[in-house]
Amino acid sequence: MSAAAVETTMPAQATPEPGPTVLRPVQWTACTAAPQPAVAVRPSPDGSGATDLTARLIAANQRSAELEEQLAAAIAERDAAEHAAAQLETRNQELASDLDNALDQLAGHALHAEQERLVRPATWSPWTASSDRGGMQR
């Protein structure tokens, strides 16, 4: 849009110059309505409401402290159980590795024994007869 079109649709407004500031006195109005309580509190007939509430508050604080102690003990037991489980898992992995190595060795021994069983030495051959000459080398 051109500047002339903008000027016709939105004419520039002159900014008023600030004049002298006049201070007016503030008038306070008093509220004549009585404040309404948020919760209606009924006084006890014997007047022991405050002492009863204090005793209940003390008992609630004691119970809260006991529950916090129980929670701390339960958290400590859980942490100890997690640590023991981690140690058992590590030990289990070590034992599984040892078992795997032992099974590999047994499989090797079994294979060697099977090969020994399948290969029968000849009853007589010049090789076996000439290989042992009373410890003398050829």
N, C-alpha and C. Protein backbone atom coordinates (compact mmCIF):
# COMPACT_ATOMS: atom_id res chain seq x y z
N MET A 1 0.84 -1.17 0.00
CA MET A 1 0.00 0.00 0.00
C MET A 1 0.89 1.23 0.00
N SER A 2 0.38 2.23 -0.66
CA SER A 2 1.16 3.46 -0.74
C SER A 2 0.93 4.28 0.52
N ALA A 3 1.75 5.27 0.69
CA ALA A 3 1.66 6.13 1.88
C ALA A 3 0.38 6.94 1.86
N ALA A 4 -0.10 7.36 0.64
CA ALA A 4 -1.34 8.14 0.56
C ALA A 4 -2.54 7.29 0.95
N ALA A 5 -2.56 6.02 0.55
CA ALA A 5 -3.67 5.15 0.89
C ALA A 5 -3.70 4.88 2.39
N VAL A 6 -2.54 4.73 2.98
CA VAL A 6 -2.48 4.50 4.41
C VAL A 6 -2.95 5.74 5.15
N GLU A 7 -2.59 6.92 4.64
CA GLU A 7 -2.98 8.17 5.29
C GLU A 7 -4.48 8.38 5.23
N THR A 8 -5.12 7.95 4.12
CA THR A 8 -6.56 8.15 4.03
C THR A 8 -7.32 7.17 4.91
N THR A 9 -6.82 5.95 5.06
CA THR A 9 -7.53 4.99 5.90
C THR A 9 -7.19 5.15 7.37
N MET A 10 -5.97 5.54 7.65
CA MET A 10 -5.54 5.69 9.04
C MET A 10 -4.83 7.03 9.18
N PRO A 11 -5.56 8.10 9.40
CA PRO A 11 -4.90 9.40 9.49
C PRO A 11 -4.01 9.47 10.72
N ALA A 12 -2.94 10.19 10.59
CA ALA A 12 -2.01 10.35 11.70
C ALA A 12 -2.66 11.14 12.79
N GLN A 13 -2.49 10.70 14.00
CA GLN A 13 -3.09 11.41 15.13
C GLN A 13 -1.99 12.19 15.83
N ALA A 14 -2.34 13.37 16.18
CA ALA A 14 -1.39 14.21 16.89
C ALA A 14 -1.31 13.76 18.33
N THR A 15 -0.12 13.71 18.85
CA THR A 15 0.06 13.32 20.24
C THR A 15 -0.10 14.55 21.10
N PRO A 16 -0.95 14.50 22.10
CA PRO A 16 -1.12 15.69 22.95
C PRO A 16 0.11 15.93 23.79
N GLU A 17 0.40 17.19 24.00
CA GLU A 17 1.55 17.55 24.82
C GLU A 17 1.17 17.39 26.28
N PRO A 18 2.08 16.87 27.08
CA PRO A 18 1.73 16.69 28.48
C PRO A 18 1.59 18.04 29.17
N GLY A 19 0.51 18.16 29.92
CA GLY A 19 0.26 19.40 30.64
C GLY A 19 0.71 19.27 32.08
N PRO A 20 0.44 20.29 32.88
CA PRO A 20 0.84 20.21 34.28
C PRO A 20 0.03 19.14 35.01
N THR A 21 0.69 18.41 35.88
CA THR A 21 0.05 17.34 36.63
C THR A 21 -0.61 17.92 37.87
N VAL A 22 -1.87 17.60 38.03
CA VAL A 22 -2.61 18.11 39.19
C VAL A 22 -2.84 16.94 40.13
N LEU A 23 -2.45 17.10 41.36
CA LEU A 23 -2.66 16.06 42.36
C LEU A 23 -3.98 16.30 43.05
N ARG A 24 -4.79 15.29 43.09
CA ARG A 24 -6.08 15.37 43.76
C ARG A 24 -6.01 14.55 45.03
N PRO A 25 -6.67 14.98 46.07
CA PRO A 25 -6.65 14.18 47.30
C PRO A 25 -7.45 12.90 47.11
N VAL A 26 -6.97 11.84 47.72
CA VAL A 26 -7.62 10.54 47.62
C VAL A 26 -8.67 10.46 48.71
N GLN A 27 -9.85 10.01 48.32
CA GLN A 27 -10.92 9.87 49.29
C GLN A 27 -11.06 8.38 49.60
N TRP A 28 -10.97 8.06 50.87
CA TRP A 28 -11.11 6.68 51.30
C TRP A 28 -12.54 6.45 51.74
N THR A 29 -13.07 5.30 51.32
CA THR A 29 -14.41 4.96 51.75
C THR A 29 -14.32 3.80 52.71
N ALA A 30 -15.09 3.83 53.73
CA ALA A 30 -15.08 2.77 54.73
C ALA A 30 -16.11 1.72 54.37
N CYS A 31 -15.75 0.46 54.57
CA CYS A 31 -16.65 -0.66 54.32
C CYS A 31 -17.46 -0.89 55.59
N THR A 32 -18.76 -0.84 55.45
CA THR A 32 -19.60 -0.99 56.64
C THR A 32 -20.11 -2.42 56.82
N ALA A 33 -19.88 -3.29 55.84
CA ALA A 33 -20.36 -4.66 55.95
C ALA A 33 -19.44 -5.47 56.86
N ALA A 34 -20.03 -6.33 57.64
CA ALA A 34 -19.25 -7.18 58.54
C ALA A 34 -18.57 -8.29 57.73
N PRO A 35 -17.31 -8.61 58.03
CA PRO A 35 -16.63 -9.67 57.29
C PRO A 35 -17.29 -11.02 57.56
N GLN A 36 -17.41 -11.83 56.52
CA GLN A 36 -18.02 -13.16 56.63
C GLN A 36 -16.90 -14.19 56.78
N PRO A 37 -16.97 -15.05 57.78
CA PRO A 37 -15.93 -16.08 57.91
C PRO A 37 -16.07 -17.11 56.79
N ALA A 38 -14.93 -17.62 56.33
CA ALA A 38 -14.93 -18.60 55.25
C ALA A 38 -15.52 -19.92 55.73
N VAL A 39 -15.24 -20.30 56.95
CA VAL A 39 -15.75 -21.55 57.51
C VAL A 39 -16.43 -21.21 58.83
N ALA A 40 -17.60 -21.72 58.99
CA ALA A 40 -18.31 -21.46 60.25
C ALA A 40 -17.72 -22.35 61.33
N VAL A 41 -17.22 -21.74 62.39
CA VAL A 41 -16.62 -22.46 63.50
C VAL A 41 -17.59 -22.41 64.66
N ARG A 42 -17.94 -23.58 65.12
CA ARG A 42 -18.86 -23.64 66.26
C ARG A 42 -18.05 -23.82 67.53
N PRO A 43 -18.20 -22.97 68.47
CA PRO A 43 -17.47 -23.16 69.72
C PRO A 43 -18.04 -24.36 70.47
N SER A 44 -17.15 -25.05 71.17
CA SER A 44 -17.61 -26.21 71.93
C SER A 44 -18.33 -25.71 73.18
N PRO A 45 -19.32 -26.44 73.65
CA PRO A 45 -20.08 -25.98 74.80
C PRO A 45 -19.25 -25.88 76.08
N ASP A 46 -18.24 -26.74 76.22
CA ASP A 46 -17.46 -26.70 77.45
C ASP A 46 -16.22 -25.82 77.33
N GLY A 47 -15.93 -25.31 76.13
CA GLY A 47 -14.81 -24.39 75.94
C GLY A 47 -13.48 -25.09 75.81
N SER A 48 -13.44 -26.41 75.60
CA SER A 48 -12.18 -27.15 75.51
C SER A 48 -11.75 -27.37 74.06
N GLY A 49 -12.26 -26.61 73.12
CA GLY A 49 -11.94 -26.79 71.71
C GLY A 49 -10.48 -26.55 71.39
N ALA A 50 -9.88 -25.53 71.98
CA ALA A 50 -8.49 -25.20 71.70
C ALA A 50 -7.55 -26.26 72.25
N THR A 51 -7.80 -26.72 73.46
CA THR A 51 -6.92 -27.75 74.04
C THR A 51 -7.06 -29.07 73.31
N ASP A 52 -8.28 -29.39 72.87
CA ASP A 52 -8.50 -30.62 72.12
C ASP A 52 -7.78 -30.56 70.77
N LEU A 53 -7.87 -29.41 70.12
CA LEU A 53 -7.18 -29.26 68.83
C LEU A 53 -5.67 -29.31 69.01
N THR A 54 -5.17 -28.73 70.07
CA THR A 54 -3.73 -28.77 70.34
C THR A 54 -3.26 -30.20 70.58
N ALA A 55 -4.02 -30.94 71.36
CA ALA A 55 -3.66 -32.34 71.63
C ALA A 55 -3.70 -33.16 70.34
N ARG A 56 -4.71 -32.93 69.53
CA ARG A 56 -4.79 -33.66 68.26
C ARG A 56 -3.65 -33.29 67.33
N LEU A 57 -3.26 -32.01 67.32
CA LEU A 57 -2.15 -31.57 66.49
C LEU A 57 -0.84 -32.21 66.94
N ILE A 58 -0.62 -32.28 68.23
CA ILE A 58 0.59 -32.91 68.77
C ILE A 58 0.61 -34.39 68.40
N ALA A 59 -0.53 -35.07 68.54
CA ALA A 59 -0.61 -36.50 68.19
C ALA A 59 -0.38 -36.71 66.69
N ALA A 60 -0.92 -35.81 65.87
CA ALA A 60 -0.71 -35.93 64.43
C ALA A 60 0.75 -35.72 64.07
N ASN A 61 1.42 -34.77 64.72
CA ASN A 61 2.84 -34.53 64.46
C ASN A 61 3.68 -35.73 64.88
N GLN A 62 3.33 -36.34 66.02
CA GLN A 62 4.06 -37.53 66.46
C GLN A 62 3.88 -38.68 65.48
N ARG A 63 2.65 -38.88 65.04
CA ARG A 63 2.37 -39.95 64.07
C ARG A 63 3.11 -39.69 62.76
N SER A 64 3.17 -38.42 62.35
CA SER A 64 3.90 -38.06 61.14
C SER A 64 5.39 -38.38 61.29
N ALA A 65 5.96 -38.08 62.45
CA ALA A 65 7.37 -38.39 62.70
C ALA A 65 7.61 -39.89 62.67
N GLU A 66 6.70 -40.66 63.28
CA GLU A 66 6.84 -42.12 63.26
C GLU A 66 6.77 -42.66 61.83
N LEU A 67 5.84 -42.14 61.05
CA LEU A 67 5.71 -42.59 59.66
C LEU A 67 6.94 -42.22 58.83
N GLU A 68 7.52 -41.05 59.09
CA GLU A 68 8.74 -40.66 58.39
C GLU A 68 9.89 -41.60 58.73
N GLU A 69 9.99 -42.00 60.02
CA GLU A 69 11.03 -42.96 60.43
C GLU A 69 10.82 -44.31 59.74
N GLN A 70 9.57 -44.76 59.69
CA GLN A 70 9.27 -46.03 59.02
C GLN A 70 9.60 -45.94 57.54
N LEU A 71 9.31 -44.81 56.93
CA LEU A 71 9.62 -44.63 55.52
C LEU A 71 11.12 -44.65 55.28
N ALA A 72 11.87 -43.98 56.14
CA ALA A 72 13.33 -43.98 56.02
C ALA A 72 13.89 -45.39 56.17
N ALA A 73 13.34 -46.16 57.13
CA ALA A 73 13.80 -47.54 57.31
C ALA A 73 13.45 -48.40 56.10
N ALA A 74 12.26 -48.22 55.56
CA ALA A 74 11.86 -48.99 54.38
C ALA A 74 12.73 -48.64 53.18
N ILE A 75 13.07 -47.38 53.03
CA ILE A 75 13.93 -46.96 51.91
C ILE A 75 15.32 -47.57 52.09
N ALA A 76 15.84 -47.58 53.32
CA ALA A 76 17.15 -48.18 53.57
C ALA A 76 17.14 -49.68 53.27
N GLU A 77 16.07 -50.37 53.68
CA GLU A 77 15.96 -51.80 53.39
C GLU A 77 15.87 -52.04 51.88
N ARG A 78 15.12 -51.20 51.17
CA ARG A 78 15.01 -51.35 49.73
C ARG A 78 16.36 -51.15 49.05
N ASP A 79 17.11 -50.13 49.49
CA ASP A 79 18.43 -49.89 48.92
C ASP A 79 19.37 -51.06 49.18
N ALA A 80 19.31 -51.62 50.40
CA ALA A 80 20.15 -52.78 50.72
C ALA A 80 19.76 -53.98 49.86
N ALA A 81 18.46 -54.17 49.65
CA ALA A 81 18.00 -55.29 48.81
C ALA A 81 18.43 -55.10 47.36
N GLU A 82 18.38 -53.87 46.87
CA GLU A 82 18.83 -53.61 45.50
C GLU A 82 20.33 -53.87 45.37
N HIS A 83 21.10 -53.49 46.41
CA HIS A 83 22.55 -53.73 46.38
C HIS A 83 22.84 -55.23 46.38
N ALA A 84 22.12 -55.97 47.23
CA ALA A 84 22.31 -57.42 47.29
C ALA A 84 21.90 -58.07 45.95
N ALA A 85 20.83 -57.58 45.35
CA ALA A 85 20.40 -58.13 44.05
C ALA A 85 21.44 -57.86 42.98
N ALA A 86 22.05 -56.69 43.01
CA ALA A 86 23.09 -56.37 42.02
C ALA A 86 24.31 -57.28 42.22
N GLN A 87 24.68 -57.53 43.50
CA GLN A 87 25.80 -58.44 43.76
C GLN A 87 25.48 -59.86 43.30
N LEU A 88 24.25 -60.31 43.56
CA LEU A 88 23.86 -61.65 43.12
C LEU A 88 23.85 -61.76 41.60
N GLU A 89 23.42 -60.71 40.93
CA GLU A 89 23.42 -60.74 39.47
C GLU A 89 24.84 -60.81 38.92
N THR A 90 25.75 -60.06 39.52
CA THR A 90 27.15 -60.12 39.10
C THR A 90 27.73 -61.51 39.34
N ARG A 91 27.44 -62.07 40.50
CA ARG A 91 27.94 -63.42 40.81
C ARG A 91 27.33 -64.45 39.86
N ASN A 92 26.06 -64.29 39.53
CA ASN A 92 25.39 -65.20 38.60
C ASN A 92 26.06 -65.14 37.23
N GLN A 93 26.42 -63.94 36.78
CA GLN A 93 27.10 -63.82 35.49
C GLN A 93 28.47 -64.48 35.52
N GLU A 94 29.19 -64.32 36.64
CA GLU A 94 30.50 -64.97 36.76
C GLU A 94 30.36 -66.49 36.72
N LEU A 95 29.38 -67.01 37.47
CA LEU A 95 29.17 -68.46 37.49
C LEU A 95 28.73 -68.98 36.12
N ALA A 96 27.90 -68.22 35.41
CA ALA A 96 27.48 -68.64 34.07
C ALA A 96 28.67 -68.67 33.12
N SER A 97 29.56 -67.70 33.25
CA SER A 97 30.76 -67.69 32.41
C SER A 97 31.67 -68.88 32.75
N ASP A 98 31.85 -69.16 34.05
CA ASP A 98 32.67 -70.31 34.45
C ASP A 98 32.06 -71.62 33.94
N LEU A 99 30.75 -71.75 34.04
CA LEU A 99 30.07 -72.96 33.56
C LEU A 99 30.22 -73.11 32.05
N ASP A 100 30.11 -72.01 31.35
CA ASP A 100 30.28 -72.05 29.88
C ASP A 100 31.69 -72.50 29.51
N ASN A 101 32.69 -71.97 30.23
CA ASN A 101 34.07 -72.37 29.96
C ASN A 101 34.28 -73.86 30.28
N ALA A 102 33.72 -74.32 31.39
CA ALA A 102 33.87 -75.74 31.75
C ALA A 102 33.18 -76.64 30.73
N LEU A 103 32.02 -76.24 30.25
CA LEU A 103 31.33 -77.04 29.23
C LEU A 103 32.14 -77.07 27.92
N ASP A 104 32.75 -75.95 27.57
CA ASP A 104 33.60 -75.94 26.38
C ASP A 104 34.78 -76.90 26.53
N GLN A 105 35.40 -76.90 27.72
CA GLN A 105 36.52 -77.81 27.95
C GLN A 105 36.06 -79.26 27.90
N LEU A 106 34.92 -79.56 28.53
CA LEU A 106 34.41 -80.93 28.49
C LEU A 106 34.07 -81.36 27.07
N ALA A 107 33.51 -80.46 26.29
CA ALA A 107 33.20 -80.80 24.90
C ALA A 107 34.49 -81.09 24.12
N GLY A 108 35.54 -80.32 24.39
CA GLY A 108 36.82 -80.57 23.74
C GLY A 108 37.40 -81.91 24.15
N HIS A 109 37.32 -82.22 25.46
CA HIS A 109 37.83 -83.52 25.92
C HIS A 109 37.02 -84.67 25.32
N ALA A 110 35.71 -84.50 25.25
CA ALA A 110 34.87 -85.55 24.68
C ALA A 110 35.18 -85.75 23.20
N LEU A 111 35.39 -84.66 22.50
CA LEU A 111 35.74 -84.76 21.07
C LEU A 111 37.07 -85.47 20.90
N HIS A 112 38.03 -85.13 21.74
CA HIS A 112 39.34 -85.78 21.64
C HIS A 112 39.23 -87.27 21.96
N ALA A 113 38.44 -87.61 22.98
CA ALA A 113 38.28 -89.02 23.34
C ALA A 113 37.57 -89.78 22.23
N GLU A 114 36.59 -89.15 21.59
CA GLU A 114 35.89 -89.79 20.47
C GLU A 114 36.84 -90.00 19.30
N GLN A 115 37.69 -89.02 19.04
CA GLN A 115 38.66 -89.18 17.95
C GLN A 115 39.65 -90.30 18.27
N GLU A 116 40.07 -90.39 19.51
CA GLU A 116 40.99 -91.46 19.91
C GLU A 116 40.33 -92.83 19.74
N ARG A 117 39.03 -92.90 20.06
CA ARG A 117 38.33 -94.16 19.94
C ARG A 117 38.17 -94.57 18.48
N LEU A 118 37.92 -93.58 17.61
CA LEU A 118 37.69 -93.90 16.20
C LEU A 118 38.97 -94.27 15.46
N VAL A 119 40.08 -93.70 15.85
CA VAL A 119 41.34 -93.99 15.16
C VAL A 119 42.00 -95.16 15.88
N ARG A 120 42.01 -96.31 15.19
CA ARG A 120 42.61 -97.50 15.80
C ARG A 120 44.05 -97.63 15.30
N PRO A 121 44.94 -97.86 16.21
CA PRO A 121 46.32 -98.06 15.74
C PRO A 121 46.46 -99.41 15.02
N ALA A 122 47.34 -99.44 14.10
CA ALA A 122 47.55 -100.69 13.34
C ALA A 122 48.19 -101.72 14.26
N THR A 123 47.91 -102.96 13.97
CA THR A 123 48.46 -104.03 14.79
C THR A 123 49.98 -104.07 14.64
N TRP A 124 50.43 -104.01 13.41
CA TRP A 124 51.87 -103.92 13.16
C TRP A 124 52.08 -103.06 11.94
N SER A 125 53.00 -102.16 12.02
CA SER A 125 53.34 -101.37 10.85
C SER A 125 54.82 -101.04 10.94
N PRO A 126 55.41 -100.78 9.82
CA PRO A 126 56.84 -100.44 9.89
C PRO A 126 57.07 -99.12 10.64
N TRP A 127 56.09 -98.26 10.58
CA TRP A 127 56.27 -96.97 11.27
C TRP A 127 56.30 -97.18 12.78
N THR A 128 55.34 -97.93 13.32
CA THR A 128 55.32 -98.13 14.76
C THR A 128 56.49 -98.99 15.20
N ALA A 129 56.93 -99.90 14.35
CA ALA A 129 58.06 -100.76 14.73
C ALA A 129 59.36 -99.98 14.70
N SER A 130 59.50 -98.99 13.80
CA SER A 130 60.76 -98.29 13.68
C SER A 130 60.80 -97.01 14.52
N SER A 131 59.65 -96.60 15.05
CA SER A 131 59.65 -95.33 15.80
C SER A 131 60.22 -95.50 17.20
N ASP A 132 60.19 -96.71 17.71
CA ASP A 132 60.71 -96.92 19.05
C ASP A 132 61.86 -97.92 18.99
N ARG A 133 63.02 -97.43 19.16
CA ARG A 133 64.20 -98.30 19.12
C ARG A 133 64.99 -98.16 20.41
N GLY A 134 64.29 -98.25 21.47
CA GLY A 134 64.99 -98.20 22.76
C GLY A 134 65.55 -96.83 23.05
N GLY A 135 64.88 -95.79 22.66
CA GLY A 135 65.31 -94.44 22.95
C GLY A 135 66.35 -93.93 21.98
N MET A 136 66.71 -94.69 20.96
CA MET A 136 67.72 -94.26 19.99
C MET A 136 67.03 -93.56 18.84
N GLN A 137 67.54 -92.48 18.44
CA GLN A 137 66.99 -91.75 17.30
C GLN A 137 67.64 -92.26 16.04
N ARG A 138 66.92 -92.19 14.92
CA ARG A 138 67.45 -92.65 13.65
C ARG A 138 68.55 -91.79 13.15
